[in-house]
Protein backbone atom coordinates (compact mmCIF):
# COMPACT_ATOMS: atom_id res chain seq x y z
CA UNK A 1 0.08 25.90 1.40
CA UNK A 2 3.88 24.49 0.57
CA UNK A 3 6.19 23.67 3.65
CA UNK A 4 9.68 24.94 3.62
CA UNK A 5 12.17 22.09 4.95
CA UNK A 6 10.03 19.63 3.34
CA UNK A 7 12.99 16.89 3.32
CA UNK A 8 13.53 17.88 7.18
CA UNK A 9 9.88 17.41 8.18
CA UNK A 10 9.88 14.35 6.60
CA UNK A 11 12.83 13.24 8.42
CA UNK A 12 11.40 14.19 11.79
CA UNK A 13 8.22 12.30 11.29
CA UNK A 14 10.31 8.98 10.52
CA UNK A 15 13.16 9.41 13.58
CA UNK A 16 9.72 9.64 15.41
CA UNK A 17 8.22 6.63 14.07
CA UNK A 18 11.40 4.88 14.56
CA UNK A 19 11.48 5.85 18.07
CA UNK A 20 8.43 4.43 18.71
CA UNK A 21 8.92 1.26 16.86
CA UNK A 22 11.87 0.78 19.38
CA UNK A 23 9.79 1.79 22.45
CA UNK A 24 6.69 -0.90 20.96
CA UNK A 25 9.51 -3.81 21.07
CA UNK A 26 10.74 -2.49 24.56
CA UNK A 27 7.17 -3.30 25.94
CA UNK A 28 6.45 -6.03 24.48
CA UNK A 29 9.47 -7.34 25.79
CA UNK A 30 8.87 -6.26 29.03
CA UNK A 31 5.26 -8.17 28.40
CA UNK A 32 3.35 -4.48 28.32
CA UNK A 33 1.32 -6.03 25.43
CA UNK A 34 -1.48 -3.06 25.28
CA UNK A 35 1.04 -0.51 25.89
CA UNK A 36 3.25 -1.91 22.81
CA UNK A 37 -0.18 -2.01 20.71
CA UNK A 38 -1.08 1.46 21.49
CA UNK A 39 2.85 2.70 20.45
CA UNK A 40 2.40 0.76 17.39
CA UNK A 41 -0.64 2.97 16.81
CA UNK A 42 2.07 5.68 17.61
CA UNK A 43 4.36 4.93 15.16
CA UNK A 44 2.17 3.87 12.28
CA UNK A 45 0.33 7.51 12.64
CA UNK A 46 3.83 8.84 12.20
CA UNK A 47 5.13 6.97 8.98
CA UNK A 48 1.43 7.51 7.58
CA UNK A 49 2.22 11.41 8.10
CA UNK A 50 5.85 11.63 6.83
CA UNK A 51 4.58 9.72 3.94
CA UNK A 52 2.04 12.98 3.63
CA UNK A 53 4.35 15.40 4.02
CA UNK A 54 6.00 13.38 0.72
CA UNK A 55 3.40 13.39 -1.17
CA UNK A 56 1.19 16.21 -0.60
CA UNK A 57 4.40 19.25 0.55
CA UNK A 58 1.87 20.27 3.74
CA UNK A 59 1.93 19.62 7.45
CA UNK A 60 -0.47 16.38 8.03
CA UNK A 61 -3.98 17.21 9.17
CA UNK A 62 -4.43 16.31 13.55
CA UNK A 63 -5.77 13.58 12.89
CA UNK A 64 -5.34 9.69 14.23
CA UNK A 65 -7.83 7.48 11.71
CA UNK A 66 -4.90 6.00 10.53
CA UNK A 67 -7.22 4.58 7.30
CA UNK A 68 -8.09 8.25 6.67
CA UNK A 69 -4.90 9.27 7.09
CA UNK A 70 -3.59 6.78 4.79
CA UNK A 71 -6.77 8.08 2.31
CA UNK A 72 -6.23 11.86 2.75
CA UNK A 73 -2.26 10.90 1.82
CA UNK A 74 -2.85 9.42 -1.65
CA UNK A 75 -2.04 6.33 -0.25
CA UNK A 76 -3.04 3.19 -2.26
CA UNK A 77 -4.41 0.42 -0.49
CA UNK A 78 -5.82 -2.77 -0.32
CA UNK A 79 -9.27 -3.81 1.78
CA UNK A 80 -7.03 -6.11 3.62
CA UNK A 81 -4.52 -3.21 4.75
CA UNK A 82 -7.90 -0.86 5.63
CA UNK A 83 -8.80 -3.41 7.92
CA UNK A 84 -5.54 -3.71 9.33
CA UNK A 85 -5.34 0.20 9.80
CA UNK A 86 -8.83 -0.26 11.72
CA UNK A 87 -7.45 -2.70 14.25
CA UNK A 88 -4.53 -0.65 14.45
CA UNK A 89 -6.57 2.58 15.09
CA UNK A 90 -9.10 1.07 17.55
CA UNK A 91 -5.40 0.53 19.30
CA UNK A 92 -5.02 4.13 20.47
CA UNK A 93 -9.10 4.64 21.64
CA UNK A 94 -8.98 1.23 23.15
CA UNK A 95 -5.69 1.73 25.39
CA UNK A 96 -6.87 4.88 26.72
CA UNK A 97 -10.65 4.62 27.62
CA UNK A 98 -11.59 2.94 31.22
CA UNK A 99 -14.85 1.57 29.62
CA UNK A 100 -13.53 -0.45 27.35
CA UNK A 101 -9.57 -0.97 28.51
CA UNK A 102 -10.34 -4.04 30.35
CA UNK A 103 -11.47 -6.18 27.45
CA UNK A 104 -8.66 -4.52 25.37
CA UNK A 105 -6.44 -5.80 27.70
CA UNK A 106 -7.53 -9.19 28.09
CA UNK A 107 -7.57 -9.66 24.19
CA UNK A 108 -4.04 -7.99 23.87
CA UNK A 109 -2.31 -11.25 25.19
CA UNK A 110 1.10 -12.41 23.95
CA UNK A 111 0.30 -13.57 20.42
CA UNK A 112 -2.12 -11.00 19.69
CA UNK A 113 0.22 -8.81 20.41
CA UNK A 114 3.05 -10.14 18.84
CA UNK A 115 1.02 -11.07 14.93
CA UNK A 116 0.41 -7.12 14.76
CA UNK A 117 3.28 -5.73 15.74
CA UNK A 118 4.67 -8.32 13.12
CA UNK A 119 2.24 -6.17 10.68
CA UNK A 120 3.02 -3.46 12.05
CA UNK A 121 6.89 -3.42 11.05
CA UNK A 122 5.72 -4.84 7.59
CA UNK A 123 3.29 -1.69 7.13
CA UNK A 124 5.62 0.65 8.73
CA UNK A 125 8.44 -0.60 5.99
CA UNK A 126 6.04 -0.68 2.84
CA UNK A 127 5.11 2.83 3.70
CA UNK A 128 8.85 3.77 4.35
CA UNK A 129 9.98 2.30 1.10
CA UNK A 130 7.33 4.75 -1.03
CA UNK A 131 8.90 8.00 0.59
CA UNK A 132 11.21 9.89 -0.84
CA UNK A 133 13.99 11.55 0.44
């Protein structure tokens, strides 16, 4: 079923993603690296959902797997980008569940987090430029 107010729904997802980018940056500056990466996952998910609405003209599915969301939206991306999306999807899980949270906290140091934040922002801009408003 096609949605009404496609443009406003796309703007909604984009505005949420932009706010998440701001929060991600703030958390990084405060040295809350695992949480910054978790929010980076949310920002990536939301820009993909904006893209999904733009291309499919329906509400996005209730999924958090970024590569799957990208595929379902029709986005064409490289194997390297798929690897990136799979890694960022893991931040959603690793930041939530106690049994793997400790190892994630140890891995998510300043350099690791900075690298992924830069990649998240690049991917965000790449997808954002593909959305027609």
